[in-house]
Amino acid sequence: MAALLLSWSLPMAMSICHRASGIALSAGVSLFGLAALLLPGNFESHVELLKSLSLGPALIHTAKFALVSPLMYHTWNGIRHLTWDLGMGLKIPQLYQSGVVVLALTVLSSIGLAAM
């Protein structure tokens, strides 16, 4: 099993993560919708409850980063896939370069959005 994990390439791992992030985003939206339908109160009351917990800024920014990261990864990697559909960036070195760019953009845009 360890040998299999060590032999994964960046494009392979990113493909699996793209599928996983899509599933996570779909599940998150579904759960949010169900919670909005089933939980008592309205959205504002739930936000006020979170504010009353006096969670520290580090925890809040970490949670925001964790929530926005799958969306940013899925978005940037989806754009990467669209360029492939246009026949661009399909050579092996380009696959790795675009993979690194997607990862960097994911981290930077997630940090930026979490800081808001």
PDB file of N, CA and C in Angstrom:
ATOM      1  N   MET A   1       0.831  -1.193   0.000  1.00  0.00           N
ATOM      2  CA  MET A   1       0.000   0.000   0.000  1.00  0.00           C
ATOM      3  C   MET A   1       0.869   1.247   0.000  1.00  0.00           C
ATOM      4  N   ALA A   2       1.933   1.275   0.808  1.00  0.00           N
ATOM      5  CA  ALA A   2       2.806   2.450   0.877  1.00  0.00           C
ATOM      6  C   ALA A   2       3.476   2.696  -0.460  1.00  0.00           C
ATOM      7  N   ALA A   3       3.838   1.633  -1.171  1.00  0.00           N
ATOM      8  CA  ALA A   3       4.475   1.800  -2.473  1.00  0.00           C
ATOM      9  C   ALA A   3       3.509   2.439  -3.459  1.00  0.00           C
ATOM     10  N   LEU A   4       2.229   2.103  -3.358  1.00  0.00           N
ATOM     11  CA  LEU A   4       1.227   2.702  -4.235  1.00  0.00           C
ATOM     12  C   LEU A   4       1.101   4.191  -3.961  1.00  0.00           C
ATOM     13  N   LEU A   5       1.088   4.573  -2.694  1.00  0.00           N
ATOM     14  CA  LEU A   5       0.970   5.979  -2.344  1.00  0.00           C
ATOM     15  C   LEU A   5       2.189   6.766  -2.792  1.00  0.00           C
ATOM     16  N   LEU A   6       3.347   6.169  -2.724  1.00  0.00           N
ATOM     17  CA  LEU A   6       4.560   6.858  -3.138  1.00  0.00           C
ATOM     18  C   LEU A   6       4.646   7.007  -4.651  1.00  0.00           C
ATOM     19  N   SER A   7       3.949   6.163  -5.394  1.00  0.00           N
ATOM     20  CA  SER A   7       4.039   6.216  -6.844  1.00  0.00           C
ATOM     21  C   SER A   7       2.980   7.139  -7.473  1.00  0.00           C
ATOM     22  N   TRP A   8       2.172   7.790  -6.674  1.00  0.00           N
ATOM     23  CA  TRP A   8       1.166   8.702  -7.219  1.00  0.00           C
ATOM     24  C   TRP A   8       1.853   9.910  -7.831  1.00  0.00           C
ATOM     25  N   SER A   9       1.375  10.322  -8.982  1.00  0.00           N
ATOM     26  CA  SER A   9       1.891  11.536  -9.612  1.00  0.00           C
ATOM     27  C   SER A   9       1.029  12.723  -9.182  1.00  0.00           C
ATOM     28  N   LEU A  10       1.554  13.922  -9.378  1.00  0.00           N
ATOM     29  CA  LEU A  10       0.799  15.127  -9.035  1.00  0.00           C
ATOM     30  C   LEU A  10      -0.521  15.199  -9.805  1.00  0.00           C
ATOM     31  N   PRO A  11      -0.521  14.974 -11.130  1.00  0.00           N
ATOM     32  CA  PRO A  11      -1.806  15.023 -11.842  1.00  0.00           C
ATOM     33  C   PRO A  11      -2.814  13.997 -11.326  1.00  0.00           C
ATOM     34  N   MET A  12      -2.350  12.809 -10.950  1.00  0.00           N
ATOM     35  CA  MET A  12      -3.252  11.787 -10.435  1.00  0.00           C
ATOM     36  C   MET A  12      -3.857  12.222  -9.097  1.00  0.00           C
ATOM     37  N   ALA A  13      -3.017  12.704  -8.212  1.00  0.00           N
ATOM     38  CA  ALA A  13      -3.500  13.151  -6.901  1.00  0.00           C
ATOM     39  C   ALA A  13      -4.456  14.327  -7.042  1.00  0.00           C
ATOM     40  N   MET A  14      -4.150  15.244  -7.972  1.00  0.00           N
ATOM     41  CA  MET A  14      -5.023  16.404  -8.167  1.00  0.00           C
ATOM     42  C   MET A  14      -6.352  16.008  -8.783  1.00  0.00           C
ATOM     43  N   SER A  15      -6.358  14.998  -9.619  1.00  0.00           N
ATOM     44  CA  SER A  15      -7.606  14.501 -10.194  1.00  0.00           C
ATOM     45  C   SER A  15      -8.511  13.927  -9.106  1.00  0.00           C
ATOM     46  N   ILE A  16      -7.929  13.158  -8.213  1.00  0.00           N
ATOM     47  CA  ILE A  16      -8.693  12.583  -7.104  1.00  0.00           C
ATOM     48  C   ILE A  16      -9.212  13.696  -6.192  1.00  0.00           C
ATOM     49  N   CYS A  17      -8.365  14.674  -5.906  1.00  0.00           N
ATOM     50  CA  CYS A  17      -8.782  15.797  -5.054  1.00  0.00           C
ATOM     51  C   CYS A  17      -9.862  16.640  -5.723  1.00  0.00           C
ATOM     52  N   HIS A  18      -9.821  16.744  -7.042  1.00  0.00           N
ATOM     53  CA  HIS A  18     -10.860  17.500  -7.760  1.00  0.00           C
ATOM     54  C   HIS A  18     -12.218  16.823  -7.571  1.00  0.00           C
ATOM     55  N   ARG A  19     -12.238  15.515  -7.689  1.00  0.00           N
ATOM     56  CA  ARG A  19     -13.486  14.777  -7.475  1.00  0.00           C
ATOM     57  C   ARG A  19     -13.942  14.904  -6.015  1.00  0.00           C
ATOM     58  N   ALA A  20     -13.004  14.771  -5.098  1.00  0.00           N
ATOM     59  CA  ALA A  20     -13.347  14.863  -3.675  1.00  0.00           C
ATOM     60  C   ALA A  20     -13.862  16.252  -3.315  1.00  0.00           C
ATOM     61  N   SER A  21     -13.242  17.297  -3.870  1.00  0.00           N
ATOM     62  CA  SER A  21     -13.708  18.649  -3.563  1.00  0.00           C
ATOM     63  C   SER A  21     -15.096  18.883  -4.146  1.00  0.00           C
ATOM     64  N   GLY A  22     -15.375  18.325  -5.304  1.00  0.00           N
ATOM     65  CA  GLY A  22     -16.718  18.440  -5.883  1.00  0.00           C
ATOM     66  C   GLY A  22     -17.762  17.758  -5.021  1.00  0.00           C
ATOM     67  N   ILE A  23     -17.427  16.580  -4.511  1.00  0.00           N
ATOM     68  CA  ILE A  23     -18.347  15.864  -3.615  1.00  0.00           C
ATOM     69  C   ILE A  23     -18.538  16.646  -2.322  1.00  0.00           C
ATOM     70  N   ALA A  24     -17.450  17.173  -1.768  1.00  0.00           N
ATOM     71  CA  ALA A  24     -17.535  17.941  -0.521  1.00  0.00           C
ATOM     72  C   ALA A  24     -18.381  19.198  -0.703  1.00  0.00           C
ATOM     73  N   LEU A  25     -18.199  19.893  -1.825  1.00  0.00           N
ATOM     74  CA  LEU A  25     -18.985  21.102  -2.088  1.00  0.00           C
ATOM     75  C   LEU A  25     -20.465  20.766  -2.238  1.00  0.00           C
ATOM     76  N   SER A  26     -20.753  19.695  -2.950  1.00  0.00           N
ATOM     77  CA  SER A  26     -22.144  19.276  -3.131  1.00  0.00           C
ATOM     78  C   SER A  26     -22.781  18.889  -1.798  1.00  0.00           C
ATOM     79  N   ALA A  27     -22.041  18.139  -0.996  1.00  0.00           N
ATOM     80  CA  ALA A  27     -22.559  17.740   0.322  1.00  0.00           C
ATOM     81  C   ALA A  27     -22.754  18.958   1.215  1.00  0.00           C
ATOM     82  N   GLY A  28     -21.806  19.900   1.175  1.00  0.00           N
ATOM     83  CA  GLY A  28     -21.911  21.097   2.004  1.00  0.00           C
ATOM     84  C   GLY A  28     -23.123  21.937   1.654  1.00  0.00           C
ATOM     85  N   VAL A  29     -23.354  22.141   0.363  1.00  0.00           N
ATOM     86  CA  VAL A  29     -24.518  22.923  -0.065  1.00  0.00           C
ATOM     87  C   VAL A  29     -25.807  22.200   0.322  1.00  0.00           C
ATOM     88  N   SER A  30     -25.831  20.889   0.158  1.00  0.00           N
ATOM     89  CA  SER A  30     -27.025  20.115   0.528  1.00  0.00           C
ATOM     90  C   SER A  30     -27.293  20.191   2.025  1.00  0.00           C
ATOM     91  N   LEU A  31     -26.243  20.044   2.824  1.00  0.00           N
ATOM     92  CA  LEU A  31     -26.421  20.117   4.274  1.00  0.00           C
ATOM     93  C   LEU A  31     -26.836  21.515   4.721  1.00  0.00           C
ATOM     94  N   PHE A  32     -26.273  22.532   4.105  1.00  0.00           N
ATOM     95  CA  PHE A  32     -26.653  23.907   4.430  1.00  0.00           C
ATOM     96  C   PHE A  32     -28.128  24.126   4.113  1.00  0.00           C
ATOM     97  N   GLY A  33     -28.565  23.645   2.966  1.00  0.00           N
ATOM     98  CA  GLY A  33     -29.977  23.777   2.585  1.00  0.00           C
ATOM     99  C   GLY A  33     -30.892  23.033   3.535  1.00  0.00           C
ATOM    100  N   LEU A  34     -30.520  21.815   3.902  1.00  0.00           N
ATOM    101  CA  LEU A  34     -31.333  21.050   4.860  1.00  0.00           C
ATOM    102  C   LEU A  34     -31.376  21.733   6.220  1.00  0.00           C
ATOM    103  N   ALA A  35     -30.244  22.254   6.649  1.00  0.00           N
ATOM    104  CA  ALA A  35     -30.204  22.954   7.931  1.00  0.00           C
ATOM    105  C   ALA A  35     -31.091  24.189   7.896  1.00  0.00           C
ATOM    106  N   ALA A  36     -31.080  24.906   6.786  1.00  0.00           N
ATOM    107  CA  ALA A  36     -31.922  26.102   6.668  1.00  0.00           C
ATOM    108  C   ALA A  36     -33.399  25.740   6.733  1.00  0.00           C
ATOM    109  N   LEU A  37     -33.735  24.573   6.213  1.00  0.00           N
ATOM    110  CA  LEU A  37     -35.135  24.140   6.243  1.00  0.00           C
ATOM    111  C   LEU A  37     -35.560  23.581   7.594  1.00  0.00           C
ATOM    112  N   LEU A  38     -34.660  22.885   8.262  1.00  0.00           N
ATOM    113  CA  LEU A  38     -35.055  22.114   9.444  1.00  0.00           C
ATOM    114  C   LEU A  38     -34.748  22.775  10.780  1.00  0.00           C
ATOM    115  N   LEU A  39     -33.715  23.605  10.850  1.00  0.00           N
ATOM    116  CA  LEU A  39     -33.355  24.206  12.136  1.00  0.00           C
ATOM    117  C   LEU A  39     -34.279  25.375  12.466  1.00  0.00           C
ATOM    118  N   PRO A  40     -34.618  25.520  13.748  1.00  0.00           N
ATOM    119  CA  PRO A  40     -35.471  26.655  14.126  1.00  0.00           C
ATOM    120  C   PRO A  40     -34.686  27.969  14.030  1.00  0.00           C
ATOM    121  N   GLY A  41     -35.392  29.067  13.864  1.00  0.00           N
ATOM    122  CA  GLY A  41     -34.744  30.365  13.784  1.00  0.00           C
ATOM    123  C   GLY A  41     -34.368  30.696  12.355  1.00  0.00           C
ATOM    124  N   ASN A  42     -33.724  31.842  12.182  1.00  0.00           N
ATOM    125  CA  ASN A  42     -33.290  32.256  10.851  1.00  0.00           C
ATOM    126  C   ASN A  42     -31.772  32.371  10.816  1.00  0.00           C
ATOM    127  N   PHE A  43     -31.252  32.692   9.655  1.00  0.00           N
ATOM    128  CA  PHE A  43     -29.805  32.750   9.455  1.00  0.00           C
ATOM    129  C   PHE A  43     -29.152  33.760  10.401  1.00  0.00           C
ATOM    130  N   GLU A  44     -29.789  34.917  10.555  1.00  0.00           N
ATOM    131  CA  GLU A  44     -29.234  35.967  11.414  1.00  0.00           C
ATOM    132  C   GLU A  44     -29.086  35.494  12.860  1.00  0.00           C
ATOM    133  N   SER A  45     -30.061  34.719  13.339  1.00  0.00           N
ATOM    134  CA  SER A  45     -29.975  34.228  14.721  1.00  0.00           C
ATOM    135  C   SER A  45     -28.813  33.249  14.887  1.00  0.00           C
ATOM    136  N   HIS A  46     -28.532  32.488  13.859  1.00  0.00           N
ATOM    137  CA  HIS A  46     -27.410  31.539  13.931  1.00  0.00           C
ATOM    138  C   HIS A  46     -26.069  32.283  13.881  1.00  0.00           C
ATOM    139  N   VAL A  47     -26.012  33.342  13.093  1.00  0.00           N
ATOM    140  CA  VAL A  47     -24.798  34.162  13.046  1.00  0.00           C
ATOM    141  C   VAL A  47     -24.565  34.824  14.405  1.00  0.00           C
ATOM    142  N   GLU A  48     -25.619  35.319  15.000  1.00  0.00           N
ATOM    143  CA  GLU A  48     -25.504  35.935  16.336  1.00  0.00           C
ATOM    144  C   GLU A  48     -25.047  34.922  17.377  1.00  0.00           C
ATOM    145  N   LEU A  49     -25.527  33.695  17.265  1.00  0.00           N
ATOM    146  CA  LEU A  49     -25.078  32.639  18.179  1.00  0.00           C
ATOM    147  C   LEU A  49     -23.578  32.421  18.037  1.00  0.00           C
ATOM    148  N   LEU A  50     -23.083  32.362  16.806  1.00  0.00           N
ATOM    149  CA  LEU A  50     -21.642  32.192  16.585  1.00  0.00           C
ATOM    150  C   LEU A  50     -20.858  33.367  17.160  1.00  0.00           C
ATOM    151  N   LYS A  51     -21.373  34.577  16.969  1.00  0.00           N
ATOM    152  CA  LYS A  51     -20.687  35.756  17.504  1.00  0.00           C
ATOM    153  C   LYS A  51     -20.650  35.725  19.026  1.00  0.00           C
ATOM    154  N   SER A  52     -21.701  35.223  19.651  1.00  0.00           N
ATOM    155  CA  SER A  52     -21.764  35.188  21.110  1.00  0.00           C
ATOM    156  C   SER A  52     -20.768  34.202  21.714  1.00  0.00           C
ATOM    157  N   LEU A  53     -20.264  33.264  20.915  1.00  0.00           N
ATOM    158  CA  LEU A  53     -19.300  32.284  21.417  1.00  0.00           C
ATOM    159  C   LEU A  53     -17.923  32.901  21.632  1.00  0.00           C
ATOM    160  N   SER A  54     -17.704  34.100  21.112  1.00  0.00           N
ATOM    161  CA  SER A  54     -16.438  34.822  21.247  1.00  0.00           C
ATOM    162  C   SER A  54     -15.236  33.959  20.859  1.00  0.00           C
ATOM    163  N   LEU A  55     -15.358  33.348  19.708  1.00  0.00           N
ATOM    164  CA  LEU A  55     -14.248  32.548  19.190  1.00  0.00           C
ATOM    165  C   LEU A  55     -13.139  33.489  18.746  1.00  0.00           C
ATOM    166  N   GLY A  56     -11.929  33.104  18.947  1.00  0.00           N
ATOM    167  CA  GLY A  56     -10.799  33.955  18.599  1.00  0.00           C
ATOM    168  C   GLY A  56     -10.648  34.128  17.098  1.00  0.00           C
ATOM    169  N   PRO A  57      -9.994  35.218  16.692  1.00  0.00           N
ATOM    170  CA  PRO A  57      -9.811  35.455  15.257  1.00  0.00           C
ATOM    171  C   PRO A  57      -9.034  34.340  14.555  1.00  0.00           C
ATOM    172  N   ALA A  58      -8.097  33.728  15.227  1.00  0.00           N
ATOM    173  CA  ALA A  58      -7.328  32.647  14.603  1.00  0.00           C
ATOM    174  C   ALA A  58      -8.243  31.475  14.244  1.00  0.00           C
ATOM    175  N   LEU A  59      -9.143  31.125  15.150  1.00  0.00           N
ATOM    176  CA  LEU A  59     -10.071  30.019  14.889  1.00  0.00           C
ATOM    177  C   LEU A  59     -11.057  30.393  13.782  1.00  0.00           C
ATOM    178  N   ILE A  60     -11.527  31.624  13.800  1.00  0.00           N
ATOM    179  CA  ILE A  60     -12.478  32.076  12.782  1.00  0.00           C
ATOM    180  C   ILE A  60     -11.818  32.051  11.401  1.00  0.00           C
ATOM    181  N   HIS A  61     -10.601  32.589  11.286  1.00  0.00           N
ATOM    182  CA  HIS A  61      -9.922  32.611   9.988  1.00  0.00           C
ATOM    183  C   HIS A  61      -9.558  31.199   9.530  1.00  0.00           C
ATOM    184  N   THR A  62      -9.204  30.340  10.452  1.00  0.00           N
ATOM    185  CA  THR A  62      -8.898  28.952  10.095  1.00  0.00           C
ATOM    186  C   THR A  62     -10.147  28.252   9.566  1.00  0.00           C
ATOM    187  N   ALA A  63     -11.279  28.472  10.214  1.00  0.00           N
ATOM    188  CA  ALA A  63     -12.532  27.865   9.770  1.00  0.00           C
ATOM    189  C   ALA A  63     -12.935  28.418   8.399  1.00  0.00           C
ATOM    190  N   LYS A  64     -12.781  29.729   8.217  1.00  0.00           N
ATOM    191  CA  LYS A  64     -13.110  30.321   6.922  1.00  0.00           C
ATOM    192  C   LYS A  64     -12.200  29.770   5.824  1.00  0.00           C
ATOM    193  N   PHE A  65     -10.913  29.605   6.129  1.00  0.00           N
ATOM    194  CA  PHE A  65      -9.973  29.036   5.173  1.00  0.00           C
ATOM    195  C   PHE A  65     -10.388  27.603   4.812  1.00  0.00           C
ATOM    196  N   ALA A  66     -10.753  26.823   5.826  1.00  0.00           N
ATOM    197  CA  ALA A  66     -11.150  25.428   5.591  1.00  0.00           C
ATOM    198  C   ALA A  66     -12.428  25.341   4.748  1.00  0.00           C
ATOM    199  N   LEU A  67     -13.322  26.311   4.912  1.00  0.00           N
ATOM    200  CA  LEU A  67     -14.558  26.295   4.140  1.00  0.00           C
ATOM    201  C   LEU A  67     -14.358  26.743   2.697  1.00  0.00           C
ATOM    202  N   VAL A  68     -13.481  27.706   2.480  1.00  0.00           N
ATOM    203  CA  VAL A  68     -13.316  28.265   1.142  1.00  0.00           C
ATOM    204  C   VAL A  68     -12.292  27.499   0.301  1.00  0.00           C
ATOM    205  N   SER A  69     -11.388  26.761   0.915  1.00  0.00           N
ATOM    206  CA  SER A  69     -10.338  26.047   0.172  1.00  0.00           C
ATOM    207  C   SER A  69     -10.877  25.051  -0.860  1.00  0.00           C
ATOM    208  N   PRO A  70     -11.847  24.203  -0.514  1.00  0.00           N
ATOM    209  CA  PRO A  70     -12.354  23.285  -1.550  1.00  0.00           C
ATOM    210  C   PRO A  70     -12.968  24.017  -2.743  1.00  0.00           C
ATOM    211  N   LEU A  71     -13.656  25.140  -2.484  1.00  0.00           N
ATOM    212  CA  LEU A  71     -14.244  25.908  -3.572  1.00  0.00           C
ATOM    213  C   LEU A  71     -13.169  26.503  -4.468  1.00  0.00           C
ATOM    214  N   MET A  72     -12.139  27.063  -3.869  1.00  0.00           N
ATOM    215  CA  MET A  72     -11.063  27.663  -4.659  1.00  0.00           C
ATOM    216  C   MET A  72     -10.305  26.594  -5.444  1.00  0.00           C
ATOM    217  N   TYR A  73     -10.018  25.458  -4.807  1.00  0.00           N
ATOM    218  CA  TYR A  73      -9.313  24.389  -5.510  1.00  0.00           C
ATOM    219  C   TYR A  73     -10.140  23.900  -6.696  1.00  0.00           C
ATOM    220  N   HIS A  74     -11.416  23.657  -6.465  1.00  0.00           N
ATOM    221  CA  HIS A  74     -12.275  23.134  -7.511  1.00  0.00           C
ATOM    222  C   HIS A  74     -12.408  24.142  -8.656  1.00  0.00           C
ATOM    223  N   THR A  75     -12.472  25.419  -8.319  1.00  0.00           N
ATOM    224  CA  THR A  75     -12.576  26.462  -9.336  1.00  0.00           C
ATOM    225  C   THR A  75     -11.312  26.541 -10.187  1.00  0.00           C
ATOM    226  N   TRP A  76     -10.157  26.682  -9.528  1.00  0.00           N
ATOM    227  CA  TRP A  76      -8.901  26.814 -10.280  1.00  0.00           C
ATOM    228  C   TRP A  76      -8.592  25.546 -11.078  1.00  0.00           C
ATOM    229  N   ASN A  77      -8.830  24.394 -10.486  1.00  0.00           N
ATOM    230  CA  ASN A  77      -8.554  23.151 -11.201  1.00  0.00           C
ATOM    231  C   ASN A  77      -9.559  22.952 -12.334  1.00  0.00           C
ATOM    232  N   GLY A  78     -10.781  23.438 -12.157  1.00  0.00           N
ATOM    233  CA  GLY A  78     -11.767  23.381 -13.234  1.00  0.00           C
ATOM    234  C   GLY A  78     -11.335  24.233 -14.419  1.00  0.00           C
ATOM    235  N   ILE A  79     -10.768  25.408 -14.142  1.00  0.00           N
ATOM    236  CA  ILE A  79     -10.238  26.256 -15.216  1.00  0.00           C
ATOM    237  C   ILE A  79      -9.091  25.534 -15.927  1.00  0.00           C
ATOM    238  N   ARG A  80      -8.271  24.849 -15.154  1.00  0.00           N
ATOM    239  CA  ARG A  80      -7.176  24.063 -15.735  1.00  0.00           C
ATOM    240  C   ARG A  80      -7.736  22.993 -16.680  1.00  0.00           C
ATOM    241  N   HIS A  81      -8.803  22.323 -16.263  1.00  0.00           N
ATOM    242  CA  HIS A  81      -9.424  21.303 -17.107  1.00  0.00           C
ATOM    243  C   HIS A  81     -10.021  21.915 -18.374  1.00  0.00           C
ATOM    244  N   LEU A  82     -10.575  23.120 -18.257  1.00  0.00           N
ATOM    245  CA  LEU A  82     -11.117  23.782 -19.441  1.00  0.00           C
ATOM    246  C   LEU A  82     -10.021  24.090 -20.461  1.00  0.00           C
ATOM    247  N   THR A  83      -8.829  24.454 -19.976  1.00  0.00           N
ATOM    248  CA  THR A  83      -7.728  24.694 -20.922  1.00  0.00           C
ATOM    249  C   THR A  83      -7.330  23.395 -21.609  1.00  0.00           C
ATOM    250  N   TRP A  84      -7.427  22.296 -20.887  1.00  0.00           N
ATOM    251  CA  TRP A  84      -7.131  21.002 -21.511  1.00  0.00           C
ATOM    252  C   TRP A  84      -8.155  20.698 -22.602  1.00  0.00           C
ATOM    253  N   ASP A  85      -9.422  21.038 -22.350  1.00  0.00           N
ATOM    254  CA  ASP A  85     -10.449  20.805 -23.359  1.00  0.00           C
ATOM    255  C   ASP A  85     -10.190  21.592 -24.631  1.00  0.00           C
ATOM    256  N   LEU A  86      -9.468  22.696 -24.495  1.00  0.00           N
ATOM    257  CA  LEU A  86      -9.092  23.500 -25.659  1.00  0.00           C
ATOM    258  C   LEU A  86      -7.809  22.983 -26.311  1.00  0.00           C
ATOM    259  N   GLY A  87      -7.239  21.910 -25.764  1.00  0.00           N
ATOM    260  CA  GLY A  87      -6.038  21.303 -26.327  1.00  0.00           C
ATOM    261  C   GLY A  87      -4.746  21.953 -25.881  1.00  0.00           C
ATOM    262  N   MET A  88      -4.816  22.755 -24.828  1.00  0.00           N
ATOM    263  CA  MET A  88      -3.612  23.443 -24.343  1.00  0.00           C
ATOM    264  C   MET A  88      -3.099  22.788 -23.062  1.00  0.00           C
ATOM    265  N   GLY A  89      -1.792  22.807 -22.870  1.00  0.00           N
ATOM    266  CA  GLY A  89      -1.179  22.345 -21.632  1.00  0.00           C
ATOM    267  C   GLY A  89      -1.233  20.856 -21.394  1.00  0.00           C
ATOM    268  N   LEU A  90      -1.217  20.072 -22.447  1.00  0.00           N
ATOM    269  CA  LEU A  90      -1.362  18.623 -22.298  1.00  0.00           C
ATOM    270  C   LEU A  90      -0.045  17.858 -22.259  1.00  0.00           C
ATOM    271  N   LYS A  91       1.080  18.546 -22.441  1.00  0.00           N
ATOM    272  CA  LYS A  91       2.376  17.871 -22.349  1.00  0.00           C
ATOM    273  C   LYS A  91       2.715  17.669 -20.872  1.00  0.00           C
ATOM    274  N   ILE A  92       3.444  16.612 -20.593  1.00  0.00           N
ATOM    275  CA  ILE A  92       3.729  16.219 -19.209  1.00  0.00           C
ATOM    276  C   ILE A  92       4.330  17.364 -18.381  1.00  0.00           C
ATOM    277  N   PRO A  93       5.349  18.075 -18.850  1.00  0.00           N
ATOM    278  CA  PRO A  93       5.880  19.171 -18.020  1.00  0.00           C
ATOM    279  C   PRO A  93       4.829  20.250 -17.743  1.00  0.00           C
ATOM    280  N   GLN A  94       3.971  20.510 -18.733  1.00  0.00           N
ATOM    281  CA  GLN A  94       2.920  21.514 -18.556  1.00  0.00           C
ATOM    282  C   GLN A  94       1.877  21.055 -17.537  1.00  0.00           C
ATOM    283  N   LEU A  95       1.614  19.760 -17.484  1.00  0.00           N
ATOM    284  CA  LEU A  95       0.671  19.227 -16.492  1.00  0.00           C
ATOM    285  C   LEU A  95       1.161  19.510 -15.075  1.00  0.00           C
ATOM    286  N   TYR A  96       2.441  19.305 -14.867  1.00  0.00           N
ATOM    287  CA  TYR A  96       3.017  19.558 -13.538  1.00  0.00           C
ATOM    288  C   TYR A  96       3.065  21.052 -13.233  1.00  0.00           C
ATOM    289  N   GLN A  97       3.436  21.863 -14.227  1.00  0.00           N
ATOM    290  CA  GLN A  97       3.488  23.310 -14.014  1.00  0.00           C
ATOM    291  C   GLN A  97       2.111  23.864 -13.680  1.00  0.00           C
ATOM    292  N   SER A  98       1.108  23.471 -14.447  1.00  0.00           N
ATOM    293  CA  SER A  98      -0.237  23.971 -14.185  1.00  0.00           C
ATOM    294  C   SER A  98      -0.760  23.453 -12.850  1.00  0.00           C
ATOM    295  N   GLY A  99      -0.343  22.261 -12.458  1.00  0.00           N
ATOM    296  CA  GLY A  99      -0.735  21.728 -11.153  1.00  0.00           C
ATOM    297  C   GLY A  99      -0.190  22.572 -10.013  1.00  0.00           C
ATOM    298  N   VAL A 100       1.066  22.944 -10.117  1.00  0.00           N
ATOM    299  CA  VAL A 100       1.676  23.797  -9.090  1.00  0.00           C
ATOM    300  C   VAL A 100       1.003  25.168  -9.066  1.00  0.00           C
ATOM    301  N   VAL A 101       0.681  25.703 -10.244  1.00  0.00           N
ATOM    302  CA  VAL A 101      -0.004  26.999 -10.316  1.00  0.00           C
ATOM    303  C   VAL A 101      -1.369  26.903  -9.641  1.00  0.00           C
ATOM    304  N   VAL A 102      -2.103  25.832  -9.901  1.00  0.00           N
ATOM    305  CA  VAL A 102      -3.421  25.645  -9.274  1.00  0.00           C
ATOM    306  C   VAL A 102      -3.282  25.593  -7.756  1.00  0.00           C
ATOM    307  N   LEU A 103      -2.309  24.862  -7.264  1.00  0.00           N
ATOM    308  CA  LEU A 103      -2.121  24.767  -5.812  1.00  0.00           C
ATOM    309  C   LEU A 103      -1.758  26.123  -5.207  1.00  0.00           C
ATOM    310  N   ALA A 104      -0.883  26.863  -5.874  1.00  0.00           N
ATOM    311  CA  ALA A 104      -0.494  28.189  -5.373  1.00  0.00           C
ATOM    312  C   ALA A 104      -1.685  29.144  -5.386  1.00  0.00           C
ATOM    313  N   LEU A 105      -2.439  29.152  -6.489  1.00  0.00           N
ATOM    314  CA  LEU A 105      -3.615  30.018  -6.569  1.00  0.00           C
ATOM    315  C   LEU A 105      -4.669  29.637  -5.530  1.00  0.00           C
ATOM    316  N   THR A 106      -4.798  28.348  -5.272  1.00  0.00           N
ATOM    317  CA  THR A 106      -5.755  27.891  -4.257  1.00  0.00           C
ATOM    318  C   THR A 106      -5.395  28.455  -2.894  1.00  0.00           C
ATOM    319  N   VAL A 107      -4.134  28.320  -2.515  1.00  0.00           N
ATOM    320  CA  VAL A 107      -3.705  28.806  -1.196  1.00  0.00           C
ATOM    321  C   VAL A 107      -3.843  30.321  -1.113  1.00  0.00           C
ATOM    322  N   LEU A 108      -3.374  31.034  -2.126  1.00  0.00           N
ATOM    323  CA  LEU A 108      -3.407  32.501  -2.086  1.00  0.00           C
ATOM    324  C   LEU A 108      -4.835  33.037  -2.076  1.00  0.00           C
ATOM    325  N   SER A 109      -5.694  32.508  -2.943  1.00  0.00           N
ATOM    326  CA  SER A 109      -7.066  33.005  -2.969  1.00  0.00           C
ATOM    327  C   SER A 109      -7.833  32.592  -1.724  1.00  0.00           C
ATOM    328  N   SER A 110      -7.539  31.437  -1.160  1.00  0.00           N
ATOM    329  CA  SER A 110      -8.206  31.008   0.085  1.00  0.00           C
ATOM    330  C   SER A 110      -7.796  31.898   1.252  1.00  0.00           C
ATOM    331  N   ILE A 111      -6.511  32.233   1.314  1.00  0.00           N
ATOM    332  CA  ILE A 111      -6.036  33.146   2.369  1.00  0.00           C
ATOM    333  C   ILE A 111      -6.708  34.506   2.210  1.00  0.00           C
ATOM    334  N   GLY A 112      -6.762  35.003   0.975  1.00  0.00           N
ATOM    335  CA  GLY A 112      -7.390  36.295   0.719  1.00  0.00           C
ATOM    336  C   GLY A 112      -8.851  36.314   1.107  1.00  0.00           C
ATOM    337  N   LEU A 113      -9.595  35.289   0.745  1.00  0.00           N
ATOM    338  CA  LEU A 113     -11.011  35.253   1.081  1.00  0.00           C
ATOM    339  C   LEU A 113     -11.244  35.033   2.575  1.00  0.00           C
ATOM    340  N   ALA A 114     -10.389  34.241   3.201  1.00  0.00           N
ATOM    341  CA  ALA A 114     -10.542  34.004   4.643  1.00  0.00           C
ATOM    342  C   ALA A 114     -10.228  35.261   5.446  1.00  0.00           C
ATOM    343  N   ALA A 115      -9.422  36.143   4.890  1.00  0.00           N
ATOM    344  CA  ALA A 115      -9.054  37.381   5.604  1.00  0.00           C
ATOM    345  C   ALA A 115     -10.173  38.421   5.566  1.00  0.00           C
ATOM    346  N   MET A 116     -11.137  38.229   4.683  1.00  0.00           N
ATOM    347  CA  MET A 116     -12.238  39.206   4.558  1.00  0.00           C
ATOM    348  C   MET A 116     -13.165  39.142   5.751  1.00  0.00           C
TER     349      MET A 116
END
